[in-house]
Amino acid sequence: MMFLSEVSVPVLTGKEIKGEGGNAIELVLVDDYTGEIVESGPEASAKVEIVVLRGEFGDDDGGNWTVEEFDSNVVREREGKKPLLAETVHVRLNKGIGSVDKIKFSHSKLYMKMEME
């Protein structure tokens, strides 16, 4: 999975997260061997879950993570608290391409800082 567009900054709690130019954030499923977009097969129409990762995750490994490394860096909801992301948290790929829109953080900065430590 790879993002085609950068996130427009700043990202603020309760405000919709957009890509560059205020557009939706596009993502694609890329074949690791060929570098081409996976346009056919069951993966090309997969349902993708958008998750929050720890801020320091992935800084020095260039995006090559094991499933266990990735899963251990997903920020989980705390019981009794609002979900970290509001609105769209799943994206359906169409020919390997998806669009993320109507998504925003619903946490407070204090919560995020506590979760990160």
PDB file of N, CA and C in Angstrom:
ATOM      1  N   MET A   1       0.852  -1.160   0.000  1.00  0.00           N
ATOM      2  CA  MET A   1       0.000   0.000   0.000  1.00  0.00           C
ATOM      3  C   MET A   1       0.894   1.218   0.000  1.00  0.00           C
ATOM      4  N   MET A   2       0.488   2.210  -0.785  1.00  0.00           N
ATOM      5  CA  MET A   2       1.291   3.411  -0.899  1.00  0.00           C
ATOM      6  C   MET A   2       0.368   4.617  -1.099  1.00  0.00           C
ATOM      7  N   PHE A   3       0.690   5.714  -0.449  1.00  0.00           N
ATOM      8  CA  PHE A   3      -0.075   6.938  -0.640  1.00  0.00           C
ATOM      9  C   PHE A   3       0.462   7.677  -1.865  1.00  0.00           C
ATOM     10  N   LEU A   4      -0.445   8.164  -2.707  1.00  0.00           N
ATOM     11  CA  LEU A   4      -0.039   8.926  -3.892  1.00  0.00           C
ATOM     12  C   LEU A   4       0.073  10.409  -3.604  1.00  0.00           C
ATOM     13  N   SER A   5      -0.587  10.844  -2.533  1.00  0.00           N
ATOM     14  CA  SER A   5      -0.547  12.272  -2.220  1.00  0.00           C
ATOM     15  C   SER A   5      -0.139  12.478  -0.772  1.00  0.00           C
ATOM     16  N   GLU A   6       0.483  13.601  -0.520  1.00  0.00           N
ATOM     17  CA  GLU A   6       0.890  13.971   0.834  1.00  0.00           C
ATOM     18  C   GLU A   6      -0.309  14.538   1.584  1.00  0.00           C
ATOM     19  N   VAL A   7      -0.250  14.439   2.901  1.00  0.00           N
ATOM     20  CA  VAL A   7      -1.283  15.034   3.747  1.00  0.00           C
ATOM     21  C   VAL A   7      -1.004  16.525   3.867  1.00  0.00           C
ATOM     22  N   SER A   8      -2.045  17.319   3.698  1.00  0.00           N
ATOM     23  CA  SER A   8      -1.922  18.763   3.852  1.00  0.00           C
ATOM     24  C   SER A   8      -1.816  19.090   5.344  1.00  0.00           C
ATOM     25  N   VAL A   9      -0.831  19.877   5.709  1.00  0.00           N
ATOM     26  CA  VAL A   9      -0.625  20.238   7.111  1.00  0.00           C
ATOM     27  C   VAL A   9      -1.090  21.663   7.354  1.00  0.00           C
ATOM     28  N   PRO A  10      -1.472  21.999   8.560  1.00  0.00           N
ATOM     29  CA  PRO A  10      -1.462  21.166   9.756  1.00  0.00           C
ATOM     30  C   PRO A  10      -2.686  20.258   9.813  1.00  0.00           C
ATOM     31  N   VAL A  11      -2.558  19.156  10.553  1.00  0.00           N
ATOM     32  CA  VAL A  11      -3.676  18.264  10.825  1.00  0.00           C
ATOM     33  C   VAL A  11      -4.185  18.626  12.206  1.00  0.00           C
ATOM     34  N   LEU A  12      -5.444  19.030  12.295  1.00  0.00           N
ATOM     35  CA  LEU A  12      -6.018  19.485  13.554  1.00  0.00           C
ATOM     36  C   LEU A  12      -7.146  18.571  14.004  1.00  0.00           C
ATOM     37  N   THR A  13      -7.246  18.361  15.307  1.00  0.00           N
ATOM     38  CA  THR A  13      -8.316  17.554  15.877  1.00  0.00           C
ATOM     39  C   THR A  13      -9.670  18.110  15.461  1.00  0.00           C
ATOM     40  N   GLY A  14     -10.538  17.218  14.966  1.00  0.00           N
ATOM     41  CA  GLY A  14     -11.892  17.601  14.597  1.00  0.00           C
ATOM     42  C   GLY A  14     -12.025  18.197  13.209  1.00  0.00           C
ATOM     43  N   LYS A  15     -10.910  18.451  12.532  1.00  0.00           N
ATOM     44  CA  LYS A  15     -10.943  19.011  11.175  1.00  0.00           C
ATOM     45  C   LYS A  15     -10.633  17.897  10.173  1.00  0.00           C
ATOM     46  N   GLU A  16     -11.319  17.931   9.028  1.00  0.00           N
ATOM     47  CA  GLU A  16     -11.109  16.919   8.011  1.00  0.00           C
ATOM     48  C   GLU A  16      -9.657  16.905   7.530  1.00  0.00           C
ATOM     49  N   ILE A  17      -9.093  15.709   7.410  1.00  0.00           N
ATOM     50  CA  ILE A  17      -7.732  15.549   6.914  1.00  0.00           C
ATOM     51  C   ILE A  17      -7.802  15.485   5.395  1.00  0.00           C
ATOM     52  N   LYS A  18      -7.054  16.340   4.742  1.00  0.00           N
ATOM     53  CA  LYS A  18      -7.072  16.427   3.281  1.00  0.00           C
ATOM     54  C   LYS A  18      -5.675  16.166   2.727  1.00  0.00           C
ATOM     55  N   GLY A  19      -5.631  15.903   1.426  1.00  0.00           N
ATOM     56  CA  GLY A  19      -4.366  15.781   0.722  1.00  0.00           C
ATOM     57  C   GLY A  19      -3.946  17.144   0.212  1.00  0.00           C
ATOM     58  N   GLU A  20      -2.840  17.159  -0.490  1.00  0.00           N
ATOM     59  CA  GLU A  20      -2.340  18.392  -1.072  1.00  0.00           C
ATOM     60  C   GLU A  20      -3.426  19.056  -1.917  1.00  0.00           C
ATOM     61  N   GLY A  21      -3.496  20.369  -1.822  1.00  0.00           N
ATOM     62  CA  GLY A  21      -4.475  21.114  -2.605  1.00  0.00           C
ATOM     63  C   GLY A  21      -5.901  20.968  -2.114  1.00  0.00           C
ATOM     64  N   GLY A  22      -6.082  20.377  -0.920  1.00  0.00           N
ATOM     65  CA  GLY A  22      -7.419  20.206  -0.369  1.00  0.00           C
ATOM     66  C   GLY A  22      -8.185  19.033  -0.958  1.00  0.00           C
ATOM     67  N   ASN A  23      -7.507  18.181  -1.719  1.00  0.00           N
ATOM     68  CA  ASN A  23      -8.143  17.019  -2.348  1.00  0.00           C
ATOM     69  C   ASN A  23      -8.128  15.813  -1.411  1.00  0.00           C
ATOM     70  N   ALA A  24      -8.893  14.792  -1.781  1.00  0.00           N
ATOM     71  CA  ALA A  24      -8.880  13.532  -1.036  1.00  0.00           C
ATOM     72  C   ALA A  24      -7.482  12.923  -1.135  1.00  0.00           C
ATOM     73  N   ILE A  25      -7.124  12.124  -0.154  1.00  0.00           N
ATOM     74  CA  ILE A  25      -5.833  11.441  -0.138  1.00  0.00           C
ATOM     75  C   ILE A  25      -6.002  10.133  -0.905  1.00  0.00           C
ATOM     76  N   GLU A  26      -5.189   9.932  -1.929  1.00  0.00           N
ATOM     77  CA  GLU A  26      -5.289   8.721  -2.738  1.00  0.00           C
ATOM     78  C   GLU A  26      -4.242   7.709  -2.311  1.00  0.00           C
ATOM     79  N   LEU A  27      -4.648   6.438  -2.329  1.00  0.00           N
ATOM     80  CA  LEU A  27      -3.731   5.362  -2.008  1.00  0.00           C
ATOM     81  C   LEU A  27      -3.844   4.278  -3.069  1.00  0.00           C
ATOM     82  N   VAL A  28      -2.761   3.542  -3.259  1.00  0.00           N
ATOM     83  CA  VAL A  28      -2.740   2.488  -4.263  1.00  0.00           C
ATOM     84  C   VAL A  28      -2.089   1.237  -3.683  1.00  0.00           C
ATOM     85  N   LEU A  29      -2.532   0.104  -4.189  1.00  0.00           N
ATOM     86  CA  LEU A  29      -1.921  -1.171  -3.854  1.00  0.00           C
ATOM     87  C   LEU A  29      -0.878  -1.456  -4.927  1.00  0.00           C
ATOM     88  N   VAL A  30       0.384  -1.572  -4.508  1.00  0.00           N
ATOM     89  CA  VAL A  30       1.489  -1.731  -5.450  1.00  0.00           C
ATOM     90  C   VAL A  30       2.122  -3.105  -5.280  1.00  0.00           C
ATOM     91  N   ASP A  31       2.380  -3.771  -6.402  1.00  0.00           N
ATOM     92  CA  ASP A  31       3.076  -5.051  -6.400  1.00  0.00           C
ATOM     93  C   ASP A  31       4.527  -4.806  -5.985  1.00  0.00           C
ATOM     94  N   ASP A  32       4.963  -5.483  -4.948  1.00  0.00           N
ATOM     95  CA  ASP A  32       6.301  -5.270  -4.396  1.00  0.00           C
ATOM     96  C   ASP A  32       7.413  -5.621  -5.385  1.00  0.00           C
ATOM     97  N   TYR A  33       7.156  -6.584  -6.269  1.00  0.00           N
ATOM     98  CA  TYR A  33       8.189  -7.022  -7.210  1.00  0.00           C
ATOM     99  C   TYR A  33       8.254  -6.159  -8.458  1.00  0.00           C
ATOM    100  N   THR A  34       7.100  -5.786  -9.007  1.00  0.00           N
ATOM    101  CA  THR A  34       7.081  -5.045 -10.277  1.00  0.00           C
ATOM    102  C   THR A  34       6.976  -3.537 -10.092  1.00  0.00           C
ATOM    103  N   GLY A  35       6.455  -3.099  -8.926  1.00  0.00           N
ATOM    104  CA  GLY A  35       6.242  -1.676  -8.709  1.00  0.00           C
ATOM    105  C   GLY A  35       4.993  -1.158  -9.397  1.00  0.00           C
ATOM    106  N   GLU A  36       4.221  -2.049 -10.012  1.00  0.00           N
ATOM    107  CA  GLU A  36       3.005  -1.678 -10.728  1.00  0.00           C
ATOM    108  C   GLU A  36       1.788  -1.741  -9.796  1.00  0.00           C
ATOM    109  N   ILE A  37       0.769  -0.949 -10.120  1.00  0.00           N
ATOM    110  CA  ILE A  37      -0.484  -0.993  -9.369  1.00  0.00           C
ATOM    111  C   ILE A  37      -1.161  -2.332  -9.625  1.00  0.00           C
ATOM    112  N   VAL A  38      -1.638  -2.970  -8.564  1.00  0.00           N
ATOM    113  CA  VAL A  38      -2.361  -4.237  -8.672  1.00  0.00           C
ATOM    114  C   VAL A  38      -3.790  -3.904  -9.100  1.00  0.00           C
ATOM    115  N   GLU A  39      -4.105  -4.146 -10.377  1.00  0.00           N
ATOM    116  CA  GLU A  39      -5.401  -3.744 -10.931  1.00  0.00           C
ATOM    117  C   GLU A  39      -6.414  -4.870 -10.997  1.00  0.00           C
ATOM    118  N   SER A  40      -5.975  -6.123 -10.799  1.00  0.00           N
ATOM    119  CA  SER A  40      -6.911  -7.244 -10.892  1.00  0.00           C
ATOM    120  C   SER A  40      -6.654  -8.222  -9.758  1.00  0.00           C
ATOM    121  N   GLY A  41      -7.593  -9.140  -9.596  1.00  0.00           N
ATOM    122  CA  GLY A  41      -7.513 -10.108  -8.519  1.00  0.00           C
ATOM    123  C   GLY A  41      -8.246  -9.592  -7.296  1.00  0.00           C
ATOM    124  N   PRO A  42      -8.433 -10.441  -6.302  1.00  0.00           N
ATOM    125  CA  PRO A  42      -9.211 -10.056  -5.115  1.00  0.00           C
ATOM    126  C   PRO A  42      -8.606  -8.881  -4.341  1.00  0.00           C
ATOM    127  N   GLU A  43      -7.278  -8.775  -4.334  1.00  0.00           N
ATOM    128  CA  GLU A  43      -6.633  -7.679  -3.607  1.00  0.00           C
ATOM    129  C   GLU A  43      -6.953  -6.320  -4.214  1.00  0.00           C
ATOM    130  N   ALA A  44      -7.192  -6.274  -5.521  1.00  0.00           N
ATOM    131  CA  ALA A  44      -7.437  -5.010  -6.223  1.00  0.00           C
ATOM    132  C   ALA A  44      -8.763  -4.373  -5.820  1.00  0.00           C
ATOM    133  N   SER A  45      -9.633  -5.155  -5.169  1.00  0.00           N
ATOM    134  CA  SER A  45     -10.909  -4.599  -4.696  1.00  0.00           C
ATOM    135  C   SER A  45     -11.070  -4.810  -3.186  1.00  0.00           C
ATOM    136  N   ALA A  46      -9.951  -4.904  -2.497  1.00  0.00           N
ATOM    137  CA  ALA A  46      -9.948  -5.153  -1.056  1.00  0.00           C
ATOM    138  C   ALA A  46     -10.507  -3.961  -0.280  1.00  0.00           C
ATOM    139  N   LYS A  47     -10.980  -4.262   0.914  1.00  0.00           N
ATOM    140  CA  LYS A  47     -11.410  -3.229   1.856  1.00  0.00           C
ATOM    141  C   LYS A  47     -10.220  -2.934   2.763  1.00  0.00           C
ATOM    142  N   VAL A  48      -9.774  -1.664   2.785  1.00  0.00           N
ATOM    143  CA  VAL A  48      -8.590  -1.261   3.530  1.00  0.00           C
ATOM    144  C   VAL A  48      -9.019  -0.494   4.774  1.00  0.00           C
ATOM    145  N   GLU A  49      -8.458  -0.850   5.918  1.00  0.00           N
ATOM    146  CA  GLU A  49      -8.742  -0.128   7.153  1.00  0.00           C
ATOM    147  C   GLU A  49      -7.669   0.933   7.377  1.00  0.00           C
ATOM    148  N   ILE A  50      -8.098   2.154   7.658  1.00  0.00           N
ATOM    149  CA  ILE A  50      -7.181   3.244   7.962  1.00  0.00           C
ATOM    150  C   ILE A  50      -6.958   3.231   9.472  1.00  0.00           C
ATOM    151  N   VAL A  51      -5.693   3.213   9.893  1.00  0.00           N
ATOM    152  CA  VAL A  51      -5.353   3.155  11.321  1.00  0.00           C
ATOM    153  C   VAL A  51      -4.408   4.290  11.678  1.00  0.00           C
ATOM    154  N   VAL A  52      -4.284   4.544  12.961  1.00  0.00           N
ATOM    155  CA  VAL A  52      -3.343   5.540  13.477  1.00  0.00           C
ATOM    156  C   VAL A  52      -2.093   4.799  13.940  1.00  0.00           C
ATOM    157  N   LEU A  53      -0.929   5.284  13.488  1.00  0.00           N
ATOM    158  CA  LEU A  53       0.349   4.684  13.887  1.00  0.00           C
ATOM    159  C   LEU A  53       1.076   5.600  14.847  1.00  0.00           C
ATOM    160  N   ARG A  54       1.899   5.013  15.690  1.00  0.00           N
ATOM    161  CA  ARG A  54       2.734   5.804  16.596  1.00  0.00           C
ATOM    162  C   ARG A  54       3.615   6.748  15.777  1.00  0.00           C
ATOM    163  N   GLY A  55       3.820   7.950  16.288  1.00  0.00           N
ATOM    164  CA  GLY A  55       4.540   8.983  15.562  1.00  0.00           C
ATOM    165  C   GLY A  55       5.951   8.624  15.158  1.00  0.00           C
ATOM    166  N   GLU A  56       6.654   7.864  15.975  1.00  0.00           N
ATOM    167  CA  GLU A  56       8.042   7.532  15.671  1.00  0.00           C
ATOM    168  C   GLU A  56       8.177   6.293  14.798  1.00  0.00           C
ATOM    169  N   PHE A  57       7.084   5.599  14.526  1.00  0.00           N
ATOM    170  CA  PHE A  57       7.143   4.354  13.758  1.00  0.00           C
ATOM    171  C   PHE A  57       7.539   4.607  12.310  1.00  0.00           C
ATOM    172  N   GLY A  58       8.476   3.809  11.812  1.00  0.00           N
ATOM    173  CA  GLY A  58       8.853   3.848  10.407  1.00  0.00           C
ATOM    174  C   GLY A  58       9.851   4.917  10.034  1.00  0.00           C
ATOM    175  N   ASP A  59      10.401   5.628  11.007  1.00  0.00           N
ATOM    176  CA  ASP A  59      11.329   6.712  10.700  1.00  0.00           C
ATOM    177  C   ASP A  59      12.596   6.244   9.989  1.00  0.00           C
ATOM    178  N   ASP A  60      13.082   5.047  10.313  1.00  0.00           N
ATOM    179  CA  ASP A  60      14.367   4.662   9.738  1.00  0.00           C
ATOM    180  C   ASP A  60      14.381   3.319   9.023  1.00  0.00           C
ATOM    181  N   ASP A  61      13.232   2.716   8.717  1.00  0.00           N
ATOM    182  CA  ASP A  61      13.297   1.451   7.993  1.00  0.00           C
ATOM    183  C   ASP A  61      12.770   1.537   6.572  1.00  0.00           C
ATOM    184  N   GLY A  62      12.477   2.696   6.067  1.00  0.00           N
ATOM    185  CA  GLY A  62      12.115   2.856   4.673  1.00  0.00           C
ATOM    186  C   GLY A  62      10.825   2.187   4.245  1.00  0.00           C
ATOM    187  N   GLY A  63       9.949   1.853   5.180  1.00  0.00           N
ATOM    188  CA  GLY A  63       8.661   1.272   4.817  1.00  0.00           C
ATOM    189  C   GLY A  63       8.655  -0.235   4.687  1.00  0.00           C
ATOM    190  N   ASN A  64       9.735  -0.899   5.047  1.00  0.00           N
ATOM    191  CA  ASN A  64       9.794  -2.360   4.979  1.00  0.00           C
ATOM    192  C   ASN A  64       9.614  -2.936   6.375  1.00  0.00           C
ATOM    193  N   TRP A  65       8.357  -3.262   6.718  1.00  0.00           N
ATOM    194  CA  TRP A  65       8.038  -3.733   8.055  1.00  0.00           C
ATOM    195  C   TRP A  65       7.403  -5.105   7.975  1.00  0.00           C
ATOM    196  N   THR A  66       7.566  -5.867   9.033  1.00  0.00           N
ATOM    197  CA  THR A  66       6.847  -7.136   9.142  1.00  0.00           C
ATOM    198  C   THR A  66       5.427  -6.815   9.614  1.00  0.00           C
ATOM    199  N   VAL A  67       4.545  -7.762   9.464  1.00  0.00           N
ATOM    200  CA  VAL A  67       3.167  -7.596   9.943  1.00  0.00           C
ATOM    201  C   VAL A  67       3.182  -7.335  11.446  1.00  0.00           C
ATOM    202  N   GLU A  68       4.029  -8.051  12.163  1.00  0.00           N
ATOM    203  CA  GLU A  68       4.107  -7.894  13.613  1.00  0.00           C
ATOM    204  C   GLU A  68       4.595  -6.503  14.002  1.00  0.00           C
ATOM    205  N   GLU A  69       5.617  -5.984  13.295  1.00  0.00           N
ATOM    206  CA  GLU A  69       6.112  -4.630  13.578  1.00  0.00           C
ATOM    207  C   GLU A  69       5.022  -3.596  13.332  1.00  0.00           C
ATOM    208  N   PHE A  70       4.312  -3.732  12.222  1.00  0.00           N
ATOM    209  CA  PHE A  70       3.246  -2.792  11.901  1.00  0.00           C
ATOM    210  C   PHE A  70       2.141  -2.856  12.959  1.00  0.00           C
ATOM    211  N   ASP A  71       1.646  -4.067  13.230  1.00  0.00           N
ATOM    212  CA  ASP A  71       0.553  -4.237  14.199  1.00  0.00           C
ATOM    213  C   ASP A  71       0.914  -3.720  15.590  1.00  0.00           C
ATOM    214  N   SER A  72       2.166  -3.905  16.004  1.00  0.00           N
ATOM    215  CA  SER A  72       2.555  -3.463  17.340  1.00  0.00           C
ATOM    216  C   SER A  72       2.657  -1.937  17.440  1.00  0.00           C
ATOM    217  N   ASN A  73       2.628  -1.236  16.309  1.00  0.00           N
ATOM    218  CA  ASN A  73       2.719   0.223  16.311  1.00  0.00           C
ATOM    219  C   ASN A  73       1.398   0.911  15.988  1.00  0.00           C
ATOM    220  N   VAL A  74       0.329   0.132  15.863  1.00  0.00           N
ATOM    221  CA  VAL A  74      -1.000   0.715  15.689  1.00  0.00           C
ATOM    222  C   VAL A  74      -1.463   1.238  17.040  1.00  0.00           C
ATOM    223  N   VAL A  75      -1.914   2.488  17.079  1.00  0.00           N
ATOM    224  CA  VAL A  75      -2.421   3.080  18.317  1.00  0.00           C
ATOM    225  C   VAL A  75      -3.852   2.594  18.500  1.00  0.00           C
ATOM    226  N   ARG A  76      -4.090   1.873  19.565  1.00  0.00           N
ATOM    227  CA  ARG A  76      -5.414   1.285  19.844  1.00  0.00           C
ATOM    228  C   ARG A  76      -6.254   2.227  20.682  1.00  0.00           C
ATOM    229  N   GLU A  77      -7.570   2.078  20.537  1.00  0.00           N
ATOM    230  CA  GLU A  77      -8.505   2.865  21.358  1.00  0.00           C
ATOM    231  C   GLU A  77      -8.424   2.386  22.801  1.00  0.00           C
ATOM    232  N   ARG A  78      -8.640   3.328  23.699  1.00  0.00           N
ATOM    233  CA  ARG A  78      -8.749   2.943  25.100  1.00  0.00           C
ATOM    234  C   ARG A  78     -10.215   2.719  25.407  1.00  0.00           C
ATOM    235  N   GLU A  79     -10.485   1.757  26.241  1.00  0.00           N
ATOM    236  CA  GLU A  79     -11.864   1.421  26.592  1.00  0.00           C
ATOM    237  C   GLU A  79     -12.588   2.624  27.181  1.00  0.00           C
ATOM    238  N   GLY A  80     -13.795   2.863  26.697  1.00  0.00           N
ATOM    239  CA  GLY A  80     -14.601   3.969  27.196  1.00  0.00           C
ATOM    240  C   GLY A  80     -14.289   5.307  26.553  1.00  0.00           C
ATOM    241  N   LYS A  81     -13.355   5.342  25.621  1.00  0.00           N
ATOM    242  CA  LYS A  81     -12.974   6.587  24.948  1.00  0.00           C
ATOM    243  C   LYS A  81     -13.520   6.580  23.524  1.00  0.00           C
ATOM    244  N   LYS A  82     -13.616   7.780  22.943  1.00  0.00           N
ATOM    245  CA  LYS A  82     -14.038   7.878  21.552  1.00  0.00           C
ATOM    246  C   LYS A  82     -12.997   7.236  20.647  1.00  0.00           C
ATOM    247  N   PRO A  83     -13.419   6.757  19.463  1.00  0.00           N
ATOM    248  CA  PRO A  83     -12.432   6.240  18.508  1.00  0.00           C
ATOM    249  C   PRO A  83     -11.448   7.348  18.126  1.00  0.00           C
ATOM    250  N   LEU A  84     -10.225   6.972  17.786  1.00  0.00           N
ATOM    251  CA  LEU A  84      -9.207   7.953  17.411  1.00  0.00           C
ATOM    252  C   LEU A  84      -9.539   8.646  16.092  1.00  0.00           C
ATOM    253  N   LEU A  85     -10.158   7.897  15.189  1.00  0.00           N
ATOM    254  CA  LEU A  85     -10.543   8.465  13.900  1.00  0.00           C
ATOM    255  C   LEU A  85     -12.057   8.539  13.807  1.00  0.00           C
ATOM    256  N   ALA A  86     -12.534   9.639  13.251  1.00  0.00           N
ATOM    257  CA  ALA A  86     -13.962   9.808  13.032  1.00  0.00           C
ATOM    258  C   ALA A  86     -14.225   9.765  11.532  1.00  0.00           C
ATOM    259  N   GLU A  87     -15.422   9.394  11.175  1.00  0.00           N
ATOM    260  CA  GLU A  87     -15.870   9.332   9.777  1.00  0.00           C
ATOM    261  C   GLU A  87     -15.331   8.081   9.090  1.00  0.00           C
ATOM    262  N   THR A  88     -14.746   8.236   7.904  1.00  0.00           N
ATOM    263  CA  THR A  88     -14.325   7.112   7.075  1.00  0.00           C
ATOM    264  C   THR A  88     -13.094   6.424   7.651  1.00  0.00           C
ATOM    265  N   VAL A  89     -13.220   5.147   8.017  1.00  0.00           N
ATOM    266  CA  VAL A  89     -12.054   4.404   8.471  1.00  0.00           C
ATOM    267  C   VAL A  89     -11.786   3.191   7.581  1.00  0.00           C
ATOM    268  N   HIS A  90     -12.661   2.958   6.601  1.00  0.00           N
ATOM    269  CA  HIS A  90     -12.463   1.881   5.634  1.00  0.00           C
ATOM    270  C   HIS A  90     -12.583   2.448   4.224  1.00  0.00           C
ATOM    271  N   VAL A  91     -11.729   1.958   3.350  1.00  0.00           N
ATOM    272  CA  VAL A  91     -11.722   2.385   1.956  1.00  0.00           C
ATOM    273  C   VAL A  91     -11.779   1.140   1.093  1.00  0.00           C
ATOM    274  N   ARG A  92     -12.675   1.120   0.115  1.00  0.00           N
ATOM    275  CA  ARG A  92     -12.754   0.003  -0.831  1.00  0.00           C
ATOM    276  C   ARG A  92     -11.917   0.353  -2.055  1.00  0.00           C
ATOM    277  N   LEU A  93     -10.968  -0.509  -2.380  1.00  0.00           N
ATOM    278  CA  LEU A  93     -10.141  -0.274  -3.559  1.00  0.00           C
ATOM    279  C   LEU A  93     -10.924  -0.615  -4.826  1.00  0.00           C
ATOM    280  N   ASN A  94     -10.661   0.117  -5.881  1.00  0.00           N
ATOM    281  CA  ASN A  94     -11.230  -0.137  -7.193  1.00  0.00           C
ATOM    282  C   ASN A  94     -10.066  -0.196  -8.165  1.00  0.00           C
ATOM    283  N   LYS A  95      -9.786  -1.402  -8.682  1.00  0.00           N
ATOM    284  CA  LYS A  95      -8.625  -1.623  -9.546  1.00  0.00           C
ATOM    285  C   LYS A  95      -7.331  -1.181  -8.865  1.00  0.00           C
ATOM    286  N   GLY A  96      -7.264  -1.432  -7.545  1.00  0.00           N
ATOM    287  CA  GLY A  96      -6.056  -1.156  -6.779  1.00  0.00           C
ATOM    288  C   GLY A  96      -5.906   0.262  -6.278  1.00  0.00           C
ATOM    289  N   ILE A  97      -6.914   1.110  -6.521  1.00  0.00           N
ATOM    290  CA  ILE A  97      -6.822   2.519  -6.132  1.00  0.00           C
ATOM    291  C   ILE A  97      -7.972   2.866  -5.191  1.00  0.00           C
ATOM    292  N   GLY A  98      -7.676   3.645  -4.156  1.00  0.00           N
ATOM    293  CA  GLY A  98      -8.690   4.086  -3.208  1.00  0.00           C
ATOM    294  C   GLY A  98      -8.525   5.556  -2.880  1.00  0.00           C
ATOM    295  N   SER A  99      -9.567   6.121  -2.329  1.00  0.00           N
ATOM    296  CA  SER A  99      -9.564   7.536  -1.992  1.00  0.00           C
ATOM    297  C   SER A  99     -10.039   7.701  -0.552  1.00  0.00           C
ATOM    298  N   VAL A 100      -9.250   8.418   0.239  1.00  0.00           N
ATOM    299  CA  VAL A 100      -9.570   8.644   1.647  1.00  0.00           C
ATOM    300  C   VAL A 100     -10.093  10.070   1.791  1.00  0.00           C
ATOM    301  N   ASP A 101     -11.341  10.191   2.170  1.00  0.00           N
ATOM    302  CA  ASP A 101     -11.891  11.517   2.443  1.00  0.00           C
ATOM    303  C   ASP A 101     -12.822  11.412   3.645  1.00  0.00           C
ATOM    304  N   LYS A 102     -13.236  12.520   4.148  1.00  0.00           N
ATOM    305  CA  LYS A 102     -14.112  12.566   5.328  1.00  0.00           C
ATOM    306  C   LYS A 102     -13.539  11.767   6.487  1.00  0.00           C
ATOM    307  N   ILE A 103     -12.291  12.053   6.796  1.00  0.00           N
ATOM    308  CA  ILE A 103     -11.648  11.401   7.934  1.00  0.00           C
ATOM    309  C   ILE A 103     -11.018  12.487   8.797  1.00  0.00           C
ATOM    310  N   LYS A 104     -11.117  12.306  10.101  1.00  0.00           N
ATOM    311  CA  LYS A 104     -10.523  13.287  11.012  1.00  0.00           C
ATOM    312  C   LYS A 104     -10.200  12.626  12.340  1.00  0.00           C
ATOM    313  N   PHE A 105      -9.237  13.231  13.045  1.00  0.00           N
ATOM    314  CA  PHE A 105      -8.908  12.759  14.383  1.00  0.00           C
ATOM    315  C   PHE A 105      -9.960  13.269  15.350  1.00  0.00           C
ATOM    316  N   SER A 106     -10.360  12.410  16.273  1.00  0.00           N
ATOM    317  CA  SER A 106     -11.355  12.811  17.264  1.00  0.00           C
ATOM    318  C   SER A 106     -10.779  12.855  18.670  1.00  0.00           C
ATOM    319  N   HIS A 107      -9.494  12.591  18.812  1.00  0.00           N
ATOM    320  CA  HIS A 107      -8.840  12.560  20.128  1.00  0.00           C
ATOM    321  C   HIS A 107      -8.395  13.955  20.540  1.00  0.00           C
ATOM    322  N   SER A 108      -8.035  14.066  21.804  1.00  0.00           N
ATOM    323  CA  SER A 108      -7.422  15.307  22.266  1.00  0.00           C
ATOM    324  C   SER A 108      -5.913  15.139  22.205  1.00  0.00           C
ATOM    325  N   LYS A 109      -5.171  16.229  22.177  1.00  0.00           N
ATOM    326  CA  LYS A 109      -3.714  16.154  22.142  1.00  0.00           C
ATOM    327  C   LYS A 109      -3.176  15.464  23.384  1.00  0.00           C
ATOM    328  N   LEU A 110      -3.812  15.711  24.529  1.00  0.00           N
ATOM    329  CA  LEU A 110      -3.367  15.091  25.767  1.00  0.00           C
ATOM    330  C   LEU A 110      -3.443  13.574  25.658  1.00  0.00           C
ATOM    331  N   TYR A 111      -4.565  13.066  25.105  1.00  0.00           N
ATOM    332  CA  TYR A 111      -4.730  11.627  24.945  1.00  0.00           C
ATOM    333  C   TYR A 111      -3.632  11.064  24.047  1.00  0.00           C
ATOM    334  N   MET A 112      -3.364  11.743  22.936  1.00  0.00           N
ATOM    335  CA  MET A 112      -2.373  11.260  21.992  1.00  0.00           C
ATOM    336  C   MET A 112      -0.994  11.238  22.628  1.00  0.00           C
ATOM    337  N   LYS A 113      -0.650  12.259  23.393  1.00  0.00           N
ATOM    338  CA  LYS A 113       0.655  12.286  24.044  1.00  0.00           C
ATOM    339  C   LYS A 113       0.782  11.135  25.034  1.00  0.00           C
ATOM    340  N   MET A 114      -0.270  10.863  25.796  1.00  0.00           N
ATOM    341  CA  MET A 114      -0.227   9.785  26.768  1.00  0.00           C
ATOM    342  C   MET A 114      -0.079   8.447  26.052  1.00  0.00           C
ATOM    343  N   GLU A 115      -0.745   8.250  24.934  1.00  0.00           N
ATOM    344  CA  GLU A 115      -0.709   7.021  24.182  1.00  0.00           C
ATOM    345  C   GLU A 115       0.676   6.791  23.583  1.00  0.00           C
ATOM    346  N   MET A 116       1.358   7.856  23.219  1.00  0.00           N
ATOM    347  CA  MET A 116       2.629   7.748  22.532  1.00  0.00           C
ATOM    348  C   MET A 116       3.768   7.403  23.488  1.00  0.00           C
ATOM    349  N   GLU A 117       3.633   7.711  24.756  1.00  0.00           N
ATOM    350  CA  GLU A 117       4.725   7.494  25.709  1.00  0.00           C
ATOM    351  C   GLU A 117       4.793   6.058  26.171  1.00  0.00           C
TER     352      GLU A 117
END
